Amino acid sequence: MSEFDRAAIQVVACDIFGTTVDWYTGVSQRAAEVFRTAGVDLDAAAFTNAWRDMYLPGMQRVRDGERPWVYLDTLHRESLDELLDRHGAALDEESRSRLVRAWHLLPAWPDSVEGLARLGNRYTLAALSNGGFALLTRLVKAAGLPFDCILSAQLAQSYKPEPQVYRTAAGLLDVEPARVLMVAAHTWDIDGAGAVGMRTAFLERPQEKGPEHKADRADETRSDLTVTSFVELAETLGC
C-alpha cells in the first residue's frame, strides 16, 4: 500500500470470528465439556466444524429473503438443533443454550490485543461482524479487545457479504468506504468489502478451522495487503 493510501485510511474494520478470535478452539472445547457432562458420544472437533459449515448457508437464506431477519444466536440455535437431530443426540435446553453461548466467549488469537492496540493509536478500530450486538459486546469485553466501536451486522438487518452491511458500517462512522480498511481471514469477506470500495487486508489464519480443515488462503482472493498477524498489519501501516 502506498503512502497516499495509508494516509487515506481512517477506519480499520475487523472481522471477528476466525480473524480476531479463535472460534474453533473456543467452541470445540465448550462442546467437549457439554458432551462429556451429558454423556453424549460425539466428536467435539468434528461437530464444531460441521456446525460452522451451516453458518454461511443459514445467513444466505436471510440475504435471499427466504426467511425474515433473525440475529446470529437464532441461526446458531436452529443449526445446532438440526445437527443434534441428525446425530440422534439428546441434549437438554440448558446444554443447548450453553453451546450457543460458546460463541459469546472466544479466545483472542495471541497477536490480536497487541496488534489492535497499536493500530488504535492511529486509526478508529471497529469490530465489523455478523455476530449480534449483545454477542459482540460480551465477546469483546471478555477477550479484552481494544475496539472503539462495534458494528454488528444486526444494525444493517442483513449479513456480510451483503453490500448493505459494509455500507451501513461506513455510513455510521461518517466516512467513505474507501477510507475503511477491512481486515478479514475469509475470501468472501474480502470480496464483499472490496466490492463496495473498501480497502482490504487479508489476514492469514491457517489454523482457523483446526488441524483437519483447510483455511481460506490469500491467493484465493484479491486484497490490498496480506499479513499474518495484527502486529504485522500495524507494522505495515507504520503503527
Foldseek 3Di string as FASTA:
>chain_A
DDPVLLVLAAEEEEEPQLFWFQLLVLLLVLQVVLCVVVVHPDRSLVLSLVLVVQQVVLQVCCVVVVDFQDAPLVSSLVSVVVSCVVVVHDDDPVSSVSSSLSLLATETDPQQQVLQVLVVVRHQYEHQYSHDPVSPVSHCVNRVHPHPYYQHLVVQSHHPLPLSSLVVVCVVVVHQQCNYEYEEQAQRNQVSSVVRNHAYEHAHDQCSSHDPDGTDDPVVHDHPYYYHHSNVVSVVSPD
